[in-house]
Protein backbone atom coordinates (compact mmCIF):
# COMPACT_ATOMS: atom_id res chain seq x y z
CA MET A 1 -165.66 -103.26 -38.79
CA LYS A 2 -165.21 -100.40 -41.23
CA VAL A 3 -163.88 -97.06 -39.93
CA LEU A 4 -163.81 -93.68 -41.65
CA ILE A 5 -161.13 -91.24 -40.50
CA VAL A 6 -161.69 -87.61 -41.52
CA LEU A 7 -158.68 -85.30 -41.78
CA THR A 8 -158.33 -81.59 -42.43
CA SER A 9 -157.23 -80.08 -45.75
CA HIS A 10 -156.35 -76.71 -44.20
CA ASP A 11 -152.66 -75.81 -43.88
CA GLN A 12 -152.51 -72.13 -42.89
CA LEU A 13 -152.29 -71.08 -39.23
CA GLY A 14 -154.42 -67.96 -39.52
CA ASN A 15 -152.43 -65.04 -40.89
CA THR A 16 -149.20 -65.99 -39.11
CA GLY A 17 -147.55 -67.37 -42.25
CA ARG A 18 -146.98 -70.63 -40.37
CA LYS A 19 -148.23 -74.03 -41.43
CA THR A 20 -150.77 -76.23 -39.69
CA GLY A 21 -152.81 -79.30 -40.54
CA PHE A 22 -153.60 -82.53 -38.70
CA TRP A 23 -151.67 -83.71 -35.65
CA LEU A 24 -149.73 -86.89 -36.42
CA GLU A 25 -150.21 -88.70 -33.10
CA GLU A 26 -153.96 -88.18 -33.38
CA LEU A 27 -153.95 -90.11 -36.64
CA ALA A 28 -151.26 -92.70 -35.90
CA ALA A 29 -152.53 -93.92 -32.52
CA PRO A 30 -156.14 -94.49 -33.67
CA TYR A 31 -154.99 -95.89 -37.01
CA TYR A 32 -153.15 -98.75 -35.33
CA ALA A 33 -155.85 -99.25 -32.70
CA PHE A 34 -158.32 -99.80 -35.52
CA LYS A 35 -155.92 -101.94 -37.54
CA GLU A 36 -155.22 -104.19 -34.59
CA ALA A 37 -158.98 -104.57 -34.08
CA GLY A 38 -159.21 -105.91 -37.62
CA ALA A 39 -160.94 -102.86 -39.04
CA GLN A 40 -160.92 -101.68 -42.61
CA ILE A 41 -159.87 -98.01 -42.64
CA VAL A 42 -160.71 -95.32 -45.17
CA LEU A 43 -159.10 -91.88 -44.91
CA ALA A 44 -160.98 -88.85 -46.21
CA SER A 45 -160.43 -85.09 -46.36
CA PRO A 46 -162.35 -82.17 -47.90
CA LYS A 47 -159.98 -81.81 -50.85
CA GLY A 48 -158.85 -85.43 -51.10
CA GLY A 49 -155.25 -86.45 -51.76
CA GLN A 50 -152.44 -85.71 -49.30
CA PRO A 51 -153.73 -83.78 -46.27
CA PRO A 52 -151.36 -81.30 -44.64
CA LEU A 53 -149.43 -82.46 -41.60
CA ASP A 54 -148.87 -79.93 -38.84
CA PRO A 55 -145.05 -79.80 -38.98
CA LYS A 56 -144.84 -79.25 -35.23
CA SER A 57 -146.46 -82.64 -34.62
CA ASN A 58 -143.46 -84.33 -36.24
CA GLU A 59 -140.83 -82.56 -34.19
CA PRO A 60 -138.77 -84.93 -32.00
CA GLY A 61 -140.48 -83.88 -28.77
CA PHE A 62 -143.90 -84.85 -30.14
CA GLN A 63 -142.96 -88.09 -31.87
CA THR A 64 -144.09 -91.38 -30.34
CA ASP A 65 -143.47 -95.02 -31.15
CA LEU A 66 -146.70 -95.00 -33.12
CA THR A 67 -145.90 -91.87 -35.13
CA ARG A 68 -142.54 -93.38 -36.05
CA ARG A 69 -144.25 -96.64 -36.94
CA PHE A 70 -146.72 -94.79 -39.15
CA GLU A 71 -144.01 -92.87 -40.98
CA ALA A 72 -142.12 -96.10 -41.66
CA ASP A 73 -145.29 -97.90 -42.82
CA ALA A 74 -145.39 -97.73 -46.62
CA GLN A 75 -149.00 -98.88 -46.78
CA ALA A 76 -150.14 -96.30 -44.24
CA THR A 77 -148.30 -93.40 -45.85
CA ALA A 78 -149.58 -94.38 -49.30
CA GLN A 79 -153.12 -94.43 -47.94
CA LEU A 80 -152.57 -91.01 -46.37
CA ALA A 81 -151.31 -89.60 -49.67
CA ALA A 82 -154.52 -90.67 -51.40
CA THR A 83 -157.36 -89.69 -49.08
CA VAL A 84 -160.75 -89.77 -50.74
CA ARG A 85 -162.80 -86.59 -51.05
CA LEU A 86 -165.14 -86.07 -48.14
CA ASP A 87 -168.09 -85.34 -50.44
CA SER A 88 -167.74 -88.83 -51.93
CA VAL A 89 -168.30 -90.83 -48.73
CA SER A 90 -171.51 -92.06 -47.13
CA GLN A 91 -172.15 -93.13 -43.56
CA ALA A 92 -173.96 -96.17 -45.00
CA ASP A 93 -170.56 -97.65 -45.92
CA PHE A 94 -169.05 -97.38 -42.41
CA ASP A 95 -169.64 -98.43 -38.83
CA THR A 96 -168.16 -95.30 -37.30
CA VAL A 97 -166.21 -92.11 -37.99
CA PHE A 98 -163.15 -90.74 -36.17
CA TYR A 99 -161.87 -87.16 -36.39
CA PRO A 100 -158.24 -86.44 -35.46
CA GLY A 101 -157.43 -82.89 -34.47
CA GLY A 102 -154.63 -80.48 -35.14
CA HIS A 103 -155.53 -76.84 -35.61
CA GLY A 104 -156.53 -77.27 -39.26
CA PRO A 105 -160.07 -78.57 -38.59
CA LEU A 106 -161.01 -75.32 -36.86
CA TRP A 107 -160.83 -73.56 -40.22
CA ASP A 108 -162.24 -76.08 -42.68
CA LEU A 109 -164.06 -79.05 -41.12
CA ALA A 110 -165.85 -76.90 -38.55
CA GLU A 111 -167.56 -75.03 -41.40
CA ASP A 112 -167.74 -77.86 -43.96
CA ARG A 113 -171.32 -78.73 -44.93
CA ASP A 114 -170.33 -82.26 -45.98
CA SER A 115 -168.68 -82.91 -42.62
CA ILE A 116 -171.64 -81.50 -40.68
CA ALA A 117 -174.11 -83.59 -42.68
CA LEU A 118 -171.92 -86.67 -42.33
CA ILE A 119 -171.77 -86.48 -38.54
CA GLU A 120 -175.52 -85.90 -38.38
CA ALA A 121 -176.05 -88.93 -40.67
CA PHE A 122 -173.86 -91.22 -38.54
CA LEU A 123 -175.75 -90.27 -35.38
CA ALA A 124 -179.14 -90.58 -37.10
CA ALA A 125 -178.11 -94.10 -38.12
CA ASN A 126 -177.26 -94.87 -34.48
CA LYS A 127 -173.53 -95.12 -35.21
CA PRO A 128 -170.86 -93.76 -32.84
CA VAL A 129 -168.72 -90.72 -33.61
CA ALA A 130 -165.37 -89.92 -31.98
CA LEU A 131 -163.33 -86.70 -32.10
CA VAL A 132 -160.13 -85.71 -30.31
CA CYS A 133 -158.28 -82.54 -29.33
CA HIS A 134 -159.36 -79.69 -31.63
CA ALA A 135 -161.72 -81.93 -33.61
CA PRO A 136 -164.61 -81.62 -31.11
CA GLY A 137 -164.78 -78.05 -32.40
CA VAL A 138 -166.02 -79.57 -35.66
CA LEU A 139 -169.32 -80.13 -33.83
CA ARG A 140 -170.06 -76.39 -33.57
CA HIS A 141 -172.71 -76.42 -36.34
CA VAL A 142 -173.89 -80.02 -35.96
CA ARG A 143 -177.55 -80.22 -34.98
CA THR A 144 -179.97 -82.80 -33.63
CA PRO A 145 -183.03 -83.78 -35.69
CA ALA A 146 -184.94 -81.20 -33.60
CA GLY A 147 -182.53 -78.47 -34.72
CA ARG A 148 -180.78 -78.08 -31.39
CA PRO A 149 -176.96 -78.02 -31.02
CA LEU A 150 -175.73 -81.60 -30.90
CA VAL A 151 -173.61 -81.00 -27.80
CA GLU A 152 -176.44 -79.42 -25.81
CA GLY A 153 -176.76 -81.30 -22.53
CA LYS A 154 -174.04 -83.79 -23.50
CA GLN A 155 -170.88 -84.66 -21.62
CA VAL A 156 -167.99 -83.46 -23.79
CA THR A 157 -164.33 -82.54 -23.69
CA GLY A 158 -161.77 -81.11 -26.09
CA PHE A 159 -158.63 -78.98 -26.28
CA THR A 160 -158.83 -76.70 -23.27
CA ASN A 161 -158.37 -72.96 -23.08
CA THR A 162 -155.31 -73.44 -20.89
CA GLU A 163 -153.74 -75.83 -23.40
CA GLU A 164 -154.41 -73.33 -26.22
CA ALA A 165 -152.83 -70.60 -24.10
CA ALA A 166 -149.82 -72.82 -23.49
CA VAL A 167 -149.18 -73.12 -27.23
CA GLU A 168 -149.77 -69.37 -27.56
CA LEU A 169 -152.48 -69.61 -30.20
CA THR A 170 -155.46 -68.25 -28.26
CA ASP A 171 -155.58 -65.10 -30.40
CA ILE A 172 -154.84 -66.93 -33.69
CA VAL A 173 -157.49 -69.66 -33.83
CA PRO A 174 -160.96 -68.77 -35.19
CA PHE A 175 -162.54 -69.99 -31.95
CA LEU A 176 -161.59 -71.79 -28.74
CA VAL A 177 -162.80 -75.38 -28.59
CA GLU A 178 -163.68 -75.29 -24.89
CA ASP A 179 -165.63 -72.04 -25.24
CA GLU A 180 -167.47 -73.28 -28.33
CA LEU A 181 -168.56 -76.54 -26.71
CA LYS A 182 -169.81 -74.66 -23.68
CA ALA A 183 -171.61 -72.11 -25.87
CA GLY A 184 -173.49 -74.97 -27.53
CA GLY A 185 -174.72 -76.15 -24.15
CA GLY A 186 -172.17 -78.92 -23.75
CA ILE A 187 -171.36 -80.15 -20.24
CA PHE A 188 -167.62 -79.64 -20.54
CA SER A 189 -165.17 -81.48 -18.32
CA ARG A 190 -161.42 -81.86 -18.47
CA GLY A 191 -158.41 -83.58 -17.07
CA ASP A 192 -154.96 -82.16 -16.47
CA ASP A 193 -153.34 -80.31 -19.35
CA TRP A 194 -151.70 -82.76 -21.79
CA ALA A 195 -152.91 -85.87 -19.92
CA SER A 196 -155.26 -88.39 -21.53
CA TYR A 197 -158.90 -87.60 -20.79
CA VAL A 198 -161.84 -89.07 -22.70
CA VAL A 199 -165.60 -88.69 -22.26
CA ARG A 200 -168.36 -90.84 -23.70
CA ASP A 201 -171.98 -89.74 -23.82
CA GLY A 202 -174.08 -92.23 -25.75
CA LEU A 203 -172.86 -92.32 -29.34
CA LEU A 204 -170.46 -89.39 -28.84
CA ILE A 205 -166.84 -89.88 -27.74
CA THR A 206 -164.56 -86.87 -27.25
CA GLY A 207 -160.91 -86.68 -26.20
CA GLN A 208 -159.12 -83.67 -24.73
CA ASN A 209 -155.72 -83.59 -26.45
CA PRO A 210 -153.17 -85.62 -28.46
CA ALA A 211 -152.47 -87.92 -25.50
CA SER A 212 -156.17 -88.86 -25.50
CA SER A 213 -156.10 -90.29 -29.03
CA ALA A 214 -155.29 -93.90 -28.16
CA GLU A 215 -157.79 -94.03 -25.30
CA ALA A 216 -160.55 -92.51 -27.44
CA ALA A 217 -159.89 -95.03 -30.22
CA ALA A 218 -159.84 -97.94 -27.76
CA LEU A 219 -163.16 -96.82 -26.28
CA LEU A 220 -164.63 -96.56 -29.79
CA VAL A 221 -163.46 -100.10 -30.63
CA THR A 222 -165.00 -101.37 -27.39
CA GLN A 223 -168.28 -99.63 -28.22
CA LEU A 224 -168.33 -101.14 -31.71
CA ARG A 225 -167.67 -104.61 -30.35
CA GLU A 226 -170.41 -104.22 -27.76
CA ARG A 227 -172.81 -103.22 -30.49
CA ALA A 228 -171.75 -106.11 -32.70
CA GLY A 229 -172.38 -108.53 -29.86
CA ALA A 230 -175.72 -107.03 -28.93
């Protein structure tokens, strides 16, 4: 099992002067879920090298046992510091791809041609794709072979409008994930704010928020094992 994890390279929260990036729990929880499943993991980002961490995700209130484990894991942090460039990877080398969120992806990965083409290539090769929290917004320009929005008619979830309002960034982000998924024809559903909620529709797995990261990764591992045993 070989897993690609794609992280943002964007570190500016609009024009607020504040920093953003990827959300630590959304990397740490899947990382260890994949490790414990025996997977090989490759980390990639548009610019390569060290991707920016959303500093808020490492505040005490948002730390978890897995984020602390990740930060104390020399191998994991070294791998994070040396992500490969996104334009250098091919779906042919992996069984699946996982996108952690954080606000950063809304600015770069959502518009990144390499990311869009990569997701389309994974799905065309009949390989599952999973995205959590803000990362489902990365699907906004992804198309089916027929040229239709990928999410059209699909069961999806992602960071909700009420969660974005709760963190007071509704007017800062370039688009709202929930609105964008609905605009693409996605059948959007949700759980309670901040509670784990994951949806699978065929090859597509989406999770609502940081708390959904572990469940989304576990579902992806299950799907890969089912496919391997088929």
